[in-house]
Amino acid sequence: MPFAPLHLDTPLLQTAPGYSASGKPLWLKLDALQPSGSFKLRGVGRLCQHEVENGAREIFCASGGNAGIAAAYAGRALGVPVTIVVPETTAADVRQTIAATGANVLVHGSVFDEANAHAVELARSRKATYVHPFDHPLLWDGHATLIDEVVAKGAKFDCVVTSVGGGGLLAGIVEGLKRNGLSDVPVIAVETEGAASLHASLKANERITLPAITSIANSLGARQVAQHVFDLPKHYPIESVLVSDADAVAACLKFADAQRILVEPACGAALAVADVHAGLLQRFDNPLIEVCGGIGVSLEKLKAWKEKFL
């Protein structure tokens, strides 16, 4: 018998038109309220369940943080041991949160790519299962459930705004729109300057690897997007935009005051669009913003970011 989904059907709120410079009422899909703290549980949970149903007895995953805690949560729920390999850039408190959720945490490499290669090799050597944090069709299928939920609630929206790291969330949103007959609804894909691998790739017309991630939004820190994600704008209405770290932090603070929910700058990037790129939203009536969440945030961090950037 298949497992029940691990993720929650998260709340959907609509702001007053005056909330942002866009002057539009904004639908907010609150995936910051998932048990793992971010949208990642949708896809990672779906993939982990599939692997366990097919005989997996041990799972390895590489992550900067959010996929790691989602995999840790899934492993605990499914009763299988999980090892998360994080790069040195993953903050100590994030490592502790992953470990407290029940996973074994290993630190390897200075960037995600190195941590990921190590996780793949460890899984191979132990004949265990490797779960990719953003590049797998079942992940995208899991993330697509957020669109299913919005549609099921009867909410009318005419664009989707989402942050982009490796692109798993973007791929899932597109999948969700397609399977709900909404293939004409555009997606605004948001990255911070310094973590903009999709934007740079689209500009160069080839999938490139960033030399480094220099943004505070290190959850968006995939130096290269998945091939599938790079190909999506060729077939689907996707617009790539950038915001600054300061923009993302300002949006996090504004959102915390308005909704009493903390999100990390990787999520703040999407929230910032309605102020920073207000003109971009003028052709829409009811934008939907995926509030993807993230565990790499605290009151103390928000205060420090405010002092640094604002």
Protein backbone atom coordinates (compact mmCIF):
# COMPACT_ATOMS: atom_id res chain seq x y z
CA MET A 1 0.00 0.00 0.00
CA PRO A 2 1.49 3.39 -0.95
CA PHE A 3 2.53 5.81 1.77
CA ALA A 4 0.42 8.89 2.49
CA PRO A 5 2.19 12.11 1.40
CA LEU A 6 4.61 13.53 3.97
CA HIS A 7 3.93 17.15 3.09
CA LEU A 8 1.04 19.32 4.23
CA ASP A 9 -1.57 21.12 2.15
CA THR A 10 -0.29 24.55 3.22
CA PRO A 11 -2.40 27.69 3.71
CA LEU A 12 -3.10 30.08 0.86
CA LEU A 13 -3.54 33.74 1.80
CA GLN A 14 -4.17 36.85 -0.25
CA THR A 15 -2.67 40.22 0.64
CA ALA A 16 -4.43 43.55 0.35
CA PRO A 17 -3.53 45.43 -2.86
CA GLY A 18 -1.55 47.97 -0.84
CA TYR A 19 0.88 45.37 0.55
CA SER A 20 3.37 45.94 -2.26
CA ALA A 21 4.39 48.58 -4.78
CA SER A 22 2.69 46.48 -7.48
CA GLY A 23 -0.71 47.53 -6.13
CA LYS A 24 -1.95 44.00 -6.82
CA PRO A 25 -3.52 41.52 -4.39
CA LEU A 26 -0.94 38.74 -4.05
CA TRP A 27 -1.75 35.11 -3.44
CA LEU A 28 0.80 33.66 -1.00
CA LYS A 29 1.30 29.87 -0.92
CA LEU A 30 2.83 29.38 2.52
CA ASP A 31 5.22 26.45 2.10
CA ALA A 32 7.36 27.95 4.84
CA LEU A 33 4.88 26.13 7.10
CA GLN A 34 5.81 22.64 5.89
CA PRO A 35 7.10 20.37 8.71
CA SER A 36 10.61 20.59 7.21
CA GLY A 37 10.43 24.39 7.00
CA SER A 38 10.34 24.59 3.21
CA PHE A 39 8.68 23.34 0.02
CA LYS A 40 11.45 20.73 -0.33
CA LEU A 41 9.43 18.14 1.58
CA ARG A 42 6.99 17.91 -1.32
CA GLY A 43 9.52 16.59 -3.80
CA VAL A 44 12.14 15.05 -1.51
CA GLY A 45 9.43 13.27 0.45
CA ARG A 46 7.87 11.96 -2.76
CA LEU A 47 11.22 10.66 -4.04
CA CYS A 48 12.24 9.11 -0.70
CA GLN A 49 8.88 7.34 -0.45
CA HIS A 50 9.30 5.96 -3.96
CA GLU A 51 12.78 4.66 -3.17
CA VAL A 52 11.70 3.03 0.10
CA GLU A 53 8.69 1.44 -1.62
CA ASN A 54 11.18 -0.03 -4.07
CA GLY A 55 13.48 -1.46 -1.44
CA ALA A 56 15.77 1.36 -0.29
CA ARG A 57 17.17 0.71 3.18
CA GLU A 58 19.55 3.67 3.46
CA ILE A 59 19.47 7.11 1.81
CA PHE A 60 22.21 9.61 0.99
CA CYS A 61 21.54 13.18 -0.09
CA ALA A 62 23.65 16.30 -0.59
CA SER A 63 22.25 19.65 0.43
CA GLY A 64 23.00 23.20 1.47
CA GLY A 65 20.30 22.72 4.09
CA ASN A 66 16.65 22.61 3.07
CA ALA A 67 16.68 19.42 1.00
CA GLY A 68 18.76 17.87 3.76
CA ILE A 69 16.24 18.49 6.50
CA ALA A 70 13.44 17.35 4.17
CA ALA A 71 15.31 14.08 3.54
CA ALA A 72 16.01 13.74 7.26
CA TYR A 73 12.32 14.24 8.05
CA ALA A 74 11.34 11.74 5.35
CA GLY A 75 13.84 9.16 6.59
CA ARG A 76 12.54 9.45 10.13
CA ALA A 77 8.94 9.09 8.96
CA LEU A 78 9.78 6.12 6.73
CA GLY A 79 12.06 4.40 9.21
CA VAL A 80 15.26 4.39 7.14
CA PRO A 81 18.65 5.90 8.06
CA VAL A 82 19.63 9.04 6.16
CA THR A 83 23.04 10.66 5.69
CA ILE A 84 23.20 14.28 4.50
CA VAL A 85 26.42 15.63 3.03
CA VAL A 86 26.66 19.42 3.33
CA PRO A 87 29.38 21.77 2.06
CA GLU A 88 31.47 23.84 4.46
CA THR A 89 29.31 26.88 3.66
CA THR A 90 26.29 25.35 5.44
CA ALA A 91 25.89 27.16 8.76
CA ALA A 92 26.48 25.26 11.99
CA ASP A 93 22.93 25.84 13.22
CA VAL A 94 21.52 24.40 9.99
CA ARG A 95 23.73 21.31 10.36
CA GLN A 96 22.49 20.95 13.94
CA THR A 97 18.86 21.21 12.83
CA ILE A 98 19.36 18.46 10.24
CA ALA A 99 21.07 16.24 12.82
CA ALA A 100 18.33 16.93 15.38
CA THR A 101 15.78 15.74 12.82
CA GLY A 102 17.50 12.37 12.84
CA ALA A 103 20.06 12.33 10.02
CA ASN A 104 23.78 11.70 10.08
CA VAL A 105 25.47 14.91 8.85
CA LEU A 106 28.81 14.90 7.05
CA VAL A 107 30.68 18.03 5.93
CA HIS A 108 32.57 17.73 2.65
CA GLY A 109 33.85 20.27 0.14
CA SER A 110 33.66 24.03 -0.16
CA VAL A 111 30.66 24.04 -2.53
CA PHE A 112 27.53 21.97 -3.15
CA ASP A 113 29.03 20.28 -6.23
CA GLU A 114 31.79 18.71 -4.11
CA ALA A 115 29.36 17.65 -1.38
CA ASN A 116 27.09 16.14 -4.00
CA ALA A 117 29.86 14.14 -5.67
CA HIS A 118 30.84 12.77 -2.25
CA ALA A 119 27.24 11.78 -1.47
CA VAL A 120 26.95 9.95 -4.79
CA GLU A 121 30.19 8.06 -4.13
CA LEU A 122 29.21 7.14 -0.57
CA ALA A 123 25.84 5.82 -1.74
CA ARG A 124 27.55 3.77 -4.46
CA SER A 125 30.13 2.30 -2.09
CA ARG A 126 27.46 1.32 0.46
CA LYS A 127 24.97 0.10 -2.16
CA ALA A 128 22.58 2.67 -0.72
CA THR A 129 20.12 4.99 -2.44
CA TYR A 130 21.13 8.46 -3.56
CA VAL A 131 18.46 11.19 -3.64
CA HIS A 132 19.22 14.32 -5.67
CA PRO A 133 18.01 17.57 -4.07
CA PHE A 134 16.61 19.15 -7.27
CA ASP A 135 17.19 17.12 -10.44
CA HIS A 136 14.73 14.22 -10.67
CA PRO A 137 11.26 13.86 -12.30
CA LEU A 138 9.69 12.51 -9.10
CA LEU A 139 10.93 15.57 -7.21
CA TRP A 140 9.25 17.80 -9.77
CA ASP A 141 6.09 15.70 -9.53
CA GLY A 142 6.09 16.23 -5.77
CA HIS A 143 6.66 19.98 -6.02
CA ALA A 144 3.81 20.20 -8.54
CA THR A 145 1.36 19.41 -5.74
CA LEU A 146 1.54 23.03 -4.58
CA ILE A 147 -0.22 24.07 -7.80
CA ASP A 148 -2.71 21.21 -7.40
CA GLU A 149 -3.61 22.59 -3.95
CA VAL A 150 -4.02 26.19 -5.14
CA VAL A 151 -6.28 25.04 -7.99
CA ALA A 152 -8.29 22.80 -5.65
CA LYS A 153 -8.98 25.83 -3.43
CA GLY A 154 -10.52 27.59 -6.41
CA ALA A 155 -8.02 30.47 -6.38
CA LYS A 156 -7.73 32.34 -9.65
CA PHE A 157 -4.16 33.40 -10.49
CA ASP A 158 -2.58 34.58 -13.72
CA CYS A 159 1.16 34.26 -13.03
CA VAL A 160 3.43 32.44 -10.57
CA VAL A 161 6.47 34.04 -8.93
CA THR A 162 9.11 31.65 -7.60
CA SER A 163 12.71 31.64 -6.46
CA VAL A 164 15.16 29.49 -8.42
CA GLY A 165 18.22 27.62 -7.16
CA GLY A 166 18.92 24.37 -8.99
CA GLY A 167 15.47 24.68 -10.53
CA GLY A 168 13.55 21.78 -9.01
CA LEU A 169 10.81 24.06 -7.70
CA LEU A 170 10.49 25.84 -11.05
CA ALA A 171 10.23 22.49 -12.85
CA GLY A 172 7.57 21.35 -10.38
CA ILE A 173 5.52 24.52 -10.80
CA VAL A 174 5.57 24.14 -14.58
CA GLU A 175 4.53 20.49 -14.21
CA GLY A 176 1.70 21.51 -11.88
CA LEU A 177 0.45 24.19 -14.25
CA LYS A 178 0.55 21.79 -17.20
CA ARG A 179 -1.36 19.03 -15.47
CA ASN A 180 -4.03 21.49 -14.35
CA GLY A 181 -4.58 22.87 -17.86
CA LEU A 182 -2.79 26.14 -17.08
CA SER A 183 0.11 25.96 -19.53
CA ASP A 184 -0.51 29.54 -20.62
CA VAL A 185 0.14 30.94 -17.10
CA PRO A 186 3.61 32.58 -17.08
CA VAL A 187 6.20 31.94 -14.38
CA ILE A 188 8.54 34.65 -13.12
CA ALA A 189 11.76 32.96 -12.07
CA VAL A 190 13.69 34.98 -9.48
CA GLU A 191 17.33 34.75 -8.45
CA THR A 192 19.59 36.97 -6.38
CA GLU A 193 22.61 38.62 -7.94
CA GLY A 194 25.52 36.33 -7.15
CA ALA A 195 23.44 33.12 -7.34
CA ALA A 196 21.94 33.58 -10.79
CA SER A 197 22.90 30.44 -12.69
CA LEU A 198 19.63 30.29 -14.65
CA HIS A 199 19.73 33.96 -15.63
CA ALA A 200 23.36 33.71 -16.74
CA SER A 201 22.65 30.53 -18.71
CA LEU A 202 19.67 32.02 -20.53
CA LYS A 203 21.69 35.14 -21.33
CA ALA A 204 24.55 33.04 -22.73
CA ASN A 205 22.14 30.64 -24.47
CA GLU A 206 24.01 27.71 -22.93
CA ARG A 207 23.99 26.02 -19.54
CA ILE A 208 26.89 27.55 -17.69
CA THR A 209 28.48 26.93 -14.31
CA LEU A 210 28.99 29.96 -12.09
CA PRO A 211 32.57 30.29 -10.78
CA ALA A 212 31.22 30.88 -7.26
CA ILE A 213 28.11 31.76 -5.27
CA THR A 214 28.51 35.24 -3.81
CA SER A 215 24.94 35.89 -2.64
CA ILE A 216 23.70 35.78 0.93
CA ALA A 217 20.91 33.55 -0.42
CA ASN A 218 23.07 30.44 -0.33
CA SER A 219 19.99 28.19 -0.59
CA LEU A 220 19.88 29.41 -4.20
CA GLY A 221 23.50 28.39 -4.46
CA ALA A 222 23.46 25.88 -7.30
CA ARG A 223 26.30 26.88 -9.59
CA GLN A 224 24.50 25.16 -12.47
CA VAL A 225 20.78 24.52 -13.03
CA ALA A 226 19.45 21.16 -14.12
CA GLN A 227 19.42 20.58 -17.89
CA HIS A 228 15.65 20.11 -17.85
CA VAL A 229 15.23 23.49 -16.17
CA PHE A 230 17.51 25.26 -18.66
CA ASP A 231 15.37 23.81 -21.47
CA LEU A 232 12.00 24.83 -19.97
CA PRO A 233 11.92 28.45 -21.26
CA LYS A 234 12.18 27.11 -24.82
CA HIS A 235 8.74 25.55 -24.42
CA TYR A 236 7.06 27.51 -21.64
CA PRO A 237 6.47 31.21 -20.74
CA ILE A 238 9.20 31.81 -18.14
CA GLU A 239 10.69 35.20 -17.40
CA SER A 240 14.01 35.38 -15.51
CA VAL A 241 14.58 38.36 -13.19
CA LEU A 242 17.14 39.35 -10.57
CA VAL A 243 16.96 41.07 -7.19
CA SER A 244 19.76 42.15 -4.87
CA ASP A 245 20.60 40.62 -1.50
CA ALA A 246 19.33 43.86 0.10
CA ASP A 247 16.03 43.50 -1.78
CA ALA A 248 15.64 39.92 -0.55
CA VAL A 249 16.40 40.84 3.06
CA ALA A 250 13.99 43.78 2.98
CA ALA A 251 11.27 41.46 1.70
CA CYS A 252 11.97 38.94 4.50
CA LEU A 253 11.61 41.66 7.14
CA LYS A 254 8.45 43.06 5.57
CA PHE A 255 6.93 39.58 5.34
CA ALA A 256 7.86 38.78 8.96
CA ASP A 257 6.10 41.94 10.15
CA ALA A 258 3.00 41.29 8.03
CA GLN A 259 2.60 37.52 8.45
CA ARG A 260 4.68 36.74 11.59
CA ILE A 261 6.56 34.07 9.63
CA LEU A 262 10.34 33.97 9.14
CA VAL A 263 11.76 33.03 5.74
CA GLU A 264 15.32 33.06 4.45
CA PRO A 265 16.61 35.42 1.73
CA ALA A 266 16.29 32.68 -0.90
CA CYS A 267 12.54 32.96 -0.31
CA GLY A 268 12.67 36.72 0.15
CA ALA A 269 13.88 36.95 -3.45
CA ALA A 270 10.44 35.89 -4.73
CA LEU A 271 8.63 38.12 -2.24
CA ALA A 272 10.76 41.09 -3.34
CA VAL A 273 9.51 41.01 -6.92
CA ALA A 274 6.22 42.75 -6.13
CA ASP A 275 8.21 45.78 -4.92
CA VAL A 276 11.43 45.68 -6.95
CA HIS A 277 9.84 44.68 -10.26
CA ALA A 278 6.39 46.14 -9.59
CA GLY A 279 6.06 47.17 -13.23
CA LEU A 280 6.51 43.56 -14.31
CA LEU A 281 3.34 42.59 -12.44
CA GLN A 282 1.21 45.34 -13.95
CA ARG A 283 -0.08 43.09 -16.72
CA PHE A 284 -1.40 40.58 -14.18
CA ASP A 285 -4.41 40.79 -11.88
CA ASN A 286 -3.73 38.06 -9.31
CA PRO A 287 -0.07 36.97 -9.02
CA LEU A 288 0.70 33.84 -7.01
CA ILE A 289 3.93 33.87 -5.00
CA GLU A 290 5.40 30.59 -3.80
CA VAL A 291 6.62 31.34 -0.26
CA CYS A 292 9.17 28.53 -0.31
CA GLY A 293 10.45 29.08 3.25
CA GLY A 294 13.84 27.79 4.38
CA ILE A 295 15.44 26.84 7.70
CA GLY A 296 18.47 29.13 7.39
CA VAL A 297 16.84 32.03 9.21
CA SER A 298 16.37 33.28 12.76
CA LEU A 299 15.56 36.54 14.50
CA GLU A 300 19.25 37.00 15.16
CA LYS A 301 20.15 36.44 11.50
CA LEU A 302 17.43 38.80 10.28
CA LYS A 303 18.76 41.48 12.60
CA ALA A 304 22.33 40.97 11.35
CA TRP A 305 21.22 41.06 7.69
CA LYS A 306 19.24 44.23 8.33
CA GLU A 307 22.31 45.91 9.82
CA LYS A 308 24.47 44.78 6.93
CA PHE A 309 22.22 45.51 3.97
CA LEU A 310 19.60 48.09 4.98
